[in-house]
Amino acid sequence: MQNDIRFLRADHYPDLTDTVDYAYAAVVTAPRTVFTAGACPLDADGGTVALGDYAGQARQVVRNLEAALAGAGASLTDVVKTTVYVASARQDDLVAAWEVVRAAFGDHDAPSTLLGVAALGYTGQLVEVEAVAVAR
């Protein structure tokens, strides 16, 4: 199975920052399954965008998730599971992020888990989304 797994790092993604020290996605070729790292609200220079704005960060997270999926040969419509992390104990904050993520998927209703967490990895980070996709 090891030969059927490929980890995609920053050199596969011209639209994503290369300042991160992790793979953006893993591709399993039989079947072609894509596991993404948590998409973060980072710009191309590695800076956290939309500080203090849950919806704004969620929009950047979705853009980065779409870029990571595209680099792995998949799209949002190939996603079979997401996990949405929101750095807040307030349900209103979770909902603000969730509404942006959910809208991006449109009619594609992949199962998802929405979690409020104490903190996320980058300074000022409020939202993160990881996904599993089965590419066609």
C-alpha atoms as a PDB file:
ATOM      1  CA  MET A   1       0.000   0.000   0.000  1.00  0.00           C
ATOM      2  CA  GLN A   2       2.874   2.403   0.658  1.00  0.00           C
ATOM      3  CA  ASN A   3       3.496   2.877  -3.094  1.00  0.00           C
ATOM      4  CA  ASP A   4      -0.171   3.863  -3.544  1.00  0.00           C
ATOM      5  CA  ILE A   5       0.155   6.906  -1.226  1.00  0.00           C
ATOM      6  CA  ARG A   6       1.584  10.256  -2.296  1.00  0.00           C
ATOM      7  CA  PHE A   7       1.911  13.245   0.064  1.00  0.00           C
ATOM      8  CA  LEU A   8       1.607  16.626  -1.627  1.00  0.00           C
ATOM      9  CA  ARG A   9       3.646  19.467  -0.142  1.00  0.00           C
ATOM     10  CA  ALA A  10       3.887  23.153  -1.071  1.00  0.00           C
ATOM     11  CA  ASP A  11       5.784  22.518  -4.340  1.00  0.00           C
ATOM     12  CA  HIS A  12       2.563  21.012  -5.769  1.00  0.00           C
ATOM     13  CA  TYR A  13       0.518  24.162  -5.010  1.00  0.00           C
ATOM     14  CA  PRO A  14       1.512  27.445  -6.646  1.00  0.00           C
ATOM     15  CA  ASP A  15      -1.502  29.176  -5.037  1.00  0.00           C
ATOM     16  CA  LEU A  16      -0.665  28.170  -1.452  1.00  0.00           C
ATOM     17  CA  THR A  17       2.106  29.370   0.821  1.00  0.00           C
ATOM     18  CA  ASP A  18       5.308  27.355   1.026  1.00  0.00           C
ATOM     19  CA  THR A  19       5.999  28.601   4.574  1.00  0.00           C
ATOM     20  CA  VAL A  20       4.151  25.706   6.214  1.00  0.00           C
ATOM     21  CA  ASP A  21       5.902  22.568   7.419  1.00  0.00           C
ATOM     22  CA  TYR A  22       3.348  19.901   6.506  1.00  0.00           C
ATOM     23  CA  ALA A  23       1.781  18.204   3.507  1.00  0.00           C
ATOM     24  CA  TYR A  24      -1.346  19.878   2.176  1.00  0.00           C
ATOM     25  CA  ALA A  25      -2.848  16.567   1.058  1.00  0.00           C
ATOM     26  CA  ALA A  26      -2.245  12.852   0.683  1.00  0.00           C
ATOM     27  CA  VAL A  27      -3.438  10.924  -2.344  1.00  0.00           C
ATOM     28  CA  VAL A  28      -4.263   7.215  -2.156  1.00  0.00           C
ATOM     29  CA  THR A  29      -4.450   5.927  -5.727  1.00  0.00           C
ATOM     30  CA  ALA A  30      -6.419   2.729  -5.205  1.00  0.00           C
ATOM     31  CA  PRO A  31      -9.105   4.036  -4.941  1.00  0.00           C
ATOM     32  CA  ARG A  32      -7.990   7.605  -5.507  1.00  0.00           C
ATOM     33  CA  THR A  33      -8.596   9.047  -2.051  1.00  0.00           C
ATOM     34  CA  VAL A  34      -7.362  12.481  -0.989  1.00  0.00           C
ATOM     35  CA  PHE A  35      -6.771  13.395   2.664  1.00  0.00           C
ATOM     36  CA  THR A  36      -6.087  17.083   3.232  1.00  0.00           C
ATOM     37  CA  ALA A  37      -4.318  18.728   6.118  1.00  0.00           C
ATOM     38  CA  GLY A  38      -6.453  21.308   7.843  1.00  0.00           C
ATOM     39  CA  ALA A  39      -6.890  24.240   5.459  1.00  0.00           C
ATOM     40  CA  CYS A  40      -5.973  27.414   7.324  1.00  0.00           C
ATOM     41  CA  PRO A  41      -6.796  31.096   6.742  1.00  0.00           C
ATOM     42  CA  LEU A  42      -3.331  31.883   5.363  1.00  0.00           C
ATOM     43  CA  ASP A  43      -2.520  34.072   2.372  1.00  0.00           C
ATOM     44  CA  ALA A  44       0.166  33.198  -0.181  1.00  0.00           C
ATOM     45  CA  ASP A  45       2.832  34.800   2.054  1.00  0.00           C
ATOM     46  CA  GLY A  46       1.813  32.709   5.083  1.00  0.00           C
ATOM     47  CA  GLY A  47       0.027  35.498   6.958  1.00  0.00           C
ATOM     48  CA  THR A  48      -3.268  34.920   8.773  1.00  0.00           C
ATOM     49  CA  VAL A  49      -6.058  36.862   7.040  1.00  0.00           C
ATOM     50  CA  ALA A  50      -9.251  38.430   8.393  1.00  0.00           C
ATOM     51  CA  LEU A  51      -8.093  38.672  12.005  1.00  0.00           C
ATOM     52  CA  GLY A  52     -11.054  38.501  14.392  1.00  0.00           C
ATOM     53  CA  ASP A  53     -13.503  37.649  11.565  1.00  0.00           C
ATOM     54  CA  TYR A  54     -14.838  34.075  11.619  1.00  0.00           C
ATOM     55  CA  ALA A  55     -16.664  34.353   8.287  1.00  0.00           C
ATOM     56  CA  GLY A  56     -13.721  36.101   6.617  1.00  0.00           C
ATOM     57  CA  GLN A  57     -11.319  33.422   7.756  1.00  0.00           C
ATOM     58  CA  ALA A  58     -13.742  30.705   6.649  1.00  0.00           C
ATOM     59  CA  ARG A  59     -13.797  32.207   3.142  1.00  0.00           C
ATOM     60  CA  GLN A  60      -9.977  32.034   2.941  1.00  0.00           C
ATOM     61  CA  VAL A  61      -9.999  28.517   4.376  1.00  0.00           C
ATOM     62  CA  VAL A  62     -12.407  27.384   1.640  1.00  0.00           C
ATOM     63  CA  ARG A  63     -10.230  29.000  -1.052  1.00  0.00           C
ATOM     64  CA  ASN A  64      -7.180  27.199   0.325  1.00  0.00           C
ATOM     65  CA  LEU A  65      -9.069  23.909   0.634  1.00  0.00           C
ATOM     66  CA  GLU A  66     -10.196  24.203  -2.996  1.00  0.00           C
ATOM     67  CA  ALA A  67      -6.595  24.874  -4.075  1.00  0.00           C
ATOM     68  CA  ALA A  68      -5.272  21.892  -2.111  1.00  0.00           C
ATOM     69  CA  LEU A  69      -7.950  19.625  -3.562  1.00  0.00           C
ATOM     70  CA  ALA A  70      -7.317  20.889  -7.098  1.00  0.00           C
ATOM     71  CA  GLY A  71      -3.610  20.181  -6.724  1.00  0.00           C
ATOM     72  CA  ALA A  72      -4.518  16.611  -5.804  1.00  0.00           C
ATOM     73  CA  GLY A  73      -6.890  16.258  -8.776  1.00  0.00           C
ATOM     74  CA  ALA A  74     -10.110  16.711  -6.791  1.00  0.00           C
ATOM     75  CA  SER A  75     -12.713  19.355  -6.004  1.00  0.00           C
ATOM     76  CA  LEU A  76     -15.270  20.159  -3.326  1.00  0.00           C
ATOM     77  CA  THR A  77     -17.771  17.880  -5.089  1.00  0.00           C
ATOM     78  CA  ASP A  78     -15.402  14.942  -4.475  1.00  0.00           C
ATOM     79  CA  VAL A  79     -15.308  15.539  -0.709  1.00  0.00           C
ATOM     80  CA  VAL A  80     -16.864  12.733   1.333  1.00  0.00           C
ATOM     81  CA  LYS A  81     -16.137  14.107   4.848  1.00  0.00           C
ATOM     82  CA  THR A  82     -15.039  17.366   6.464  1.00  0.00           C
ATOM     83  CA  THR A  83     -14.138  18.464   9.935  1.00  0.00           C
ATOM     84  CA  VAL A  84     -14.542  22.174  10.710  1.00  0.00           C
ATOM     85  CA  TYR A  85     -12.625  23.550  13.689  1.00  0.00           C
ATOM     86  CA  VAL A  86     -13.545  26.938  15.153  1.00  0.00           C
ATOM     87  CA  ALA A  87     -11.515  28.529  17.948  1.00  0.00           C
ATOM     88  CA  SER A  88     -14.450  29.572  20.119  1.00  0.00           C
ATOM     89  CA  ALA A  89     -16.855  28.250  22.703  1.00  0.00           C
ATOM     90  CA  ARG A  90     -19.611  30.525  21.343  1.00  0.00           C
ATOM     91  CA  GLN A  91     -22.125  28.796  19.102  1.00  0.00           C
ATOM     92  CA  ASP A  92     -22.669  32.034  17.117  1.00  0.00           C
ATOM     93  CA  ASP A  93     -18.996  31.970  16.095  1.00  0.00           C
ATOM     94  CA  LEU A  94     -19.217  28.323  15.061  1.00  0.00           C
ATOM     95  CA  VAL A  95     -22.330  29.061  13.012  1.00  0.00           C
ATOM     96  CA  ALA A  96     -20.688  32.077  11.312  1.00  0.00           C
ATOM     97  CA  ALA A  97     -17.844  29.883  10.081  1.00  0.00           C
ATOM     98  CA  TRP A  98     -20.109  26.928   9.275  1.00  0.00           C
ATOM     99  CA  GLU A  99     -22.455  28.982   7.095  1.00  0.00           C
ATOM    100  CA  VAL A 100     -19.553  30.028   4.851  1.00  0.00           C
ATOM    101  CA  VAL A 101     -18.189  26.495   4.576  1.00  0.00           C
ATOM    102  CA  ARG A 102     -21.625  24.983   3.973  1.00  0.00           C
ATOM    103  CA  ALA A 103     -22.456  27.564   1.281  1.00  0.00           C
ATOM    104  CA  ALA A 104     -19.237  26.723  -0.577  1.00  0.00           C
ATOM    105  CA  PHE A 105     -20.374  23.100  -0.916  1.00  0.00           C
ATOM    106  CA  GLY A 106     -23.787  24.068  -2.310  1.00  0.00           C
ATOM    107  CA  ASP A 107     -25.924  20.986  -2.970  1.00  0.00           C
ATOM    108  CA  HIS A 108     -22.991  18.649  -2.266  1.00  0.00           C
ATOM    109  CA  ASP A 109     -23.962  17.555   1.238  1.00  0.00           C
ATOM    110  CA  ALA A 110     -20.888  15.691   2.502  1.00  0.00           C
ATOM    111  CA  PRO A 111     -20.992  14.692   6.163  1.00  0.00           C
ATOM    112  CA  SER A 112     -19.170  17.099   8.423  1.00  0.00           C
ATOM    113  CA  THR A 113     -18.230  17.577  12.038  1.00  0.00           C
ATOM    114  CA  LEU A 114     -18.253  21.111  13.499  1.00  0.00           C
ATOM    115  CA  LEU A 115     -16.112  21.591  16.596  1.00  0.00           C
ATOM    116  CA  GLY A 116     -15.386  24.475  18.935  1.00  0.00           C
ATOM    117  CA  VAL A 117     -11.776  24.230  20.101  1.00  0.00           C
ATOM    118  CA  ALA A 118      -9.609  26.162  22.548  1.00  0.00           C
ATOM    119  CA  ALA A 119      -6.945  27.215  20.039  1.00  0.00           C
ATOM    120  CA  LEU A 120      -5.620  26.580  16.530  1.00  0.00           C
ATOM    121  CA  GLY A 121      -2.044  26.525  15.267  1.00  0.00           C
ATOM    122  CA  TYR A 122      -1.398  29.986  13.815  1.00  0.00           C
ATOM    123  CA  THR A 123      -1.455  33.329  15.604  1.00  0.00           C
ATOM    124  CA  GLY A 124      -4.926  34.823  15.202  1.00  0.00           C
ATOM    125  CA  GLN A 125      -6.324  31.701  13.545  1.00  0.00           C
ATOM    126  CA  LEU A 126     -10.027  31.113  14.183  1.00  0.00           C
ATOM    127  CA  VAL A 127     -11.060  28.530  11.536  1.00  0.00           C
ATOM    128  CA  GLU A 128      -9.616  25.357  10.006  1.00  0.00           C
ATOM    129  CA  VAL A 129     -11.183  22.705   7.756  1.00  0.00           C
ATOM    130  CA  GLU A 130      -9.835  19.271   6.889  1.00  0.00           C
ATOM    131  CA  ALA A 131     -11.374  17.056   4.244  1.00  0.00           C
ATOM    132  CA  VAL A 132     -11.355  13.580   2.769  1.00  0.00           C
ATOM    133  CA  ALA A 133     -12.217  13.300  -0.926  1.00  0.00           C
ATOM    134  CA  VAL A 134     -12.618  10.437  -3.364  1.00  0.00           C
ATOM    135  CA  ALA A 135     -11.536  11.747  -6.748  1.00  0.00           C
ATOM    136  CA  ARG A 136     -13.159  10.411  -9.884  1.00  0.00           C
END
